[in-house]
C-alpha atoms as a PDB file:
ATOM      1  CA  MET A   1     149.005 -91.430-175.399  1.00  0.00           C
ATOM      2  CA  ALA A   2     145.612 -92.225-176.798  1.00  0.00           C
ATOM      3  CA  ASP A   3     142.794 -89.667-176.635  1.00  0.00           C
ATOM      4  CA  ASP A   4     141.019 -91.761-173.830  1.00  0.00           C
ATOM      5  CA  GLY A   5     143.961 -91.349-171.553  1.00  0.00           C
ATOM      6  CA  LYS A   6     145.356 -94.866-172.095  1.00  0.00           C
ATOM      7  CA  ILE A   7     148.916 -95.370-173.100  1.00  0.00           C
ATOM      8  CA  GLU A   8     149.402 -96.787-176.576  1.00  0.00           C
ATOM      9  CA  ILE A   9     151.567 -99.855-176.379  1.00  0.00           C
ATOM     10  CA  ALA A  10     154.045-100.409-179.197  1.00  0.00           C
ATOM     11  CA  GLU A  11     153.600-103.760-181.208  1.00  0.00           C
ATOM     12  CA  ASP A  12     157.244-104.874-180.190  1.00  0.00           C
ATOM     13  CA  ILE A  13     156.177-104.768-176.572  1.00  0.00           C
ATOM     14  CA  ARG A  14     152.876-106.556-177.214  1.00  0.00           C
ATOM     15  CA  ALA A  15     155.076-109.378-178.728  1.00  0.00           C
ATOM     16  CA  LEU A  16     156.905-109.784-175.315  1.00  0.00           C
ATOM     17  CA  SER A  17     155.941-112.238-172.603  1.00  0.00           C
ATOM     18  CA  PHE A  18     155.004-110.659-169.232  1.00  0.00           C
ATOM     19  CA  GLU A  19     158.333-111.892-167.781  1.00  0.00           C
ATOM     20  CA  ALA A  20     160.361-110.335-170.622  1.00  0.00           C
ATOM     21  CA  ALA A  21     158.495-107.023-170.417  1.00  0.00           C
ATOM     22  CA  LEU A  22     158.957-106.957-166.578  1.00  0.00           C
ATOM     23  CA  ALA A  23     162.700-107.661-166.908  1.00  0.00           C
ATOM     24  CA  GLU A  24     163.069-104.899-169.514  1.00  0.00           C
ATOM     25  CA  LEU A  25     161.082-102.561-167.186  1.00  0.00           C
ATOM     26  CA  GLU A  26     163.416-103.397-164.277  1.00  0.00           C
ATOM     27  CA  THR A  27     166.419-102.581-166.434  1.00  0.00           C
ATOM     28  CA  ILE A  28     164.926 -99.198-167.337  1.00  0.00           C
ATOM     29  CA  VAL A  29     164.303 -98.366-163.823  1.00  0.00           C
ATOM     30  CA  GLU A  30     167.765 -99.225-162.811  1.00  0.00           C
ATOM     31  CA  ARG A  31     169.247 -97.108-165.602  1.00  0.00           C
ATOM     32  CA  LEU A  32     167.083 -94.114-164.659  1.00  0.00           C
ATOM     33  CA  GLU A  33     167.932 -94.447-160.993  1.00  0.00           C
ATOM     34  CA  ARG A  34     171.610 -94.517-161.744  1.00  0.00           C
ATOM     35  CA  GLY A  35     171.194 -91.131-163.404  1.00  0.00           C
ATOM     36  CA  ASP A  36     173.882 -91.778-165.983  1.00  0.00           C
ATOM     37  CA  VAL A  37     171.751 -91.438-169.006  1.00  0.00           C
ATOM     38  CA  ALA A  38     171.583 -88.250-171.178  1.00  0.00           C
ATOM     39  CA  LEU A  39     168.332 -86.251-170.918  1.00  0.00           C
ATOM     40  CA  GLU A  40     166.985 -87.113-174.356  1.00  0.00           C
ATOM     41  CA  ALA A  41     167.766 -90.818-173.802  1.00  0.00           C
ATOM     42  CA  SER A  42     166.065 -90.689-170.392  1.00  0.00           C
ATOM     43  CA  ILE A  43     162.892 -89.292-171.971  1.00  0.00           C
ATOM     44  CA  GLU A  44     162.897 -92.112-174.572  1.00  0.00           C
ATOM     45  CA  ILE A  45     163.427 -94.897-172.180  1.00  0.00           C
ATOM     46  CA  TYR A  46     160.991 -93.322-169.658  1.00  0.00           C
ATOM     47  CA  GLN A  47     158.410 -93.394-172.423  1.00  0.00           C
ATOM     48  CA  ARG A  48     159.284 -97.135-173.257  1.00  0.00           C
ATOM     49  CA  GLY A  49     159.046 -97.806-169.476  1.00  0.00           C
ATOM     50  CA  SER A  50     155.562 -96.419-169.386  1.00  0.00           C
ATOM     51  CA  GLN A  51     154.534 -98.576-172.266  1.00  0.00           C
ATOM     52  CA  LEU A  52     156.003-101.577-170.478  1.00  0.00           C
ATOM     53  CA  ARG A  53     154.310-100.821-167.244  1.00  0.00           C
ATOM     54  CA  ALA A  54     150.930-100.381-168.963  1.00  0.00           C
ATOM     55  CA  PHE A  55     151.511-103.735-170.763  1.00  0.00           C
ATOM     56  CA  CYS A  56     152.388-105.493-167.615  1.00  0.00           C
ATOM     57  CA  ASP A  57     149.327-104.029-165.872  1.00  0.00           C
ATOM     58  CA  GLU A  58     147.085-105.242-168.743  1.00  0.00           C
ATOM     59  CA  LYS A  59     148.647-108.809-168.473  1.00  0.00           C
ATOM     60  CA  LEU A  60     148.013-108.895-164.802  1.00  0.00           C
ATOM     61  CA  CYS A  61     144.448-107.548-165.015  1.00  0.00           C
ATOM     62  CA  ASP A  62     143.748-110.278-167.647  1.00  0.00           C
ATOM     63  CA  ALA A  63     145.133-112.914-165.322  1.00  0.00           C
ATOM     64  CA  GLN A  64     143.200-111.730-162.463  1.00  0.00           C
ATOM     65  CA  MET A  65     139.898-111.735-164.485  1.00  0.00           C
ATOM     66  CA  ARG A  66     140.730-115.347-165.645  1.00  0.00           C
ATOM     67  CA  ILE A  67     141.447-116.445-162.025  1.00  0.00           C
ATOM     68  CA  GLU A  68     138.103-114.929-160.876  1.00  0.00           C
ATOM     69  CA  LYS A  69     136.363-116.589-163.732  1.00  0.00           C
ATOM     70  CA  ILE A  70     137.785-119.869-162.688  1.00  0.00           C
ATOM     71  CA  SER A  71     136.934-119.306-159.091  1.00  0.00           C
ATOM     72  CA  ASP A  72     133.469-118.218-159.877  1.00  0.00           C
ATOM     73  CA  SER A  73     132.690-121.251-162.049  1.00  0.00           C
ATOM     74  CA  GLY A  74     133.629-123.514-159.143  1.00  0.00           C
ATOM     75  CA  ALA A  75     131.641-121.626-156.549  1.00  0.00           C
ATOM     76  CA  GLY A  76     128.729-124.087-156.591  1.00  0.00           C
ATOM     77  CA  THR A  77     130.803-127.274-156.168  1.00  0.00           C
ATOM     78  CA  GLN A  78     131.655-129.009-153.019  1.00  0.00           C
ATOM     79  CA  PRO A  79     134.869-130.851-152.052  1.00  0.00           C
ATOM     80  CA  LEU A  80     134.845-134.575-152.546  1.00  0.00           C
ATOM     81  CA  ASP A  81     135.812-135.399-149.141  1.00  0.00           C
ATOM     82  CA  GLU A  82     132.748-133.642-147.608  1.00  0.00           C
ATOM     83  CA  GLU A  83     130.017-135.969-146.281  1.00  0.00           C
END
């Protein structure tokens, strides 16, 4: 964790697409839920899962801001079929 409370995301995770990160996160959750992972391995994959979740959250926030920017830029326009 960084000093400001944010999770530091590994570079290999930053190289993933949102979809690939989400798929890996789902796999980690499934493994942890099954409970057949040794304690040390569980800690390691939990930490990676935390980084993947933070990365996915970042990507979703970025997408939401982009959508809001697009929506806001079109706020003053009117549909073409209005008379």
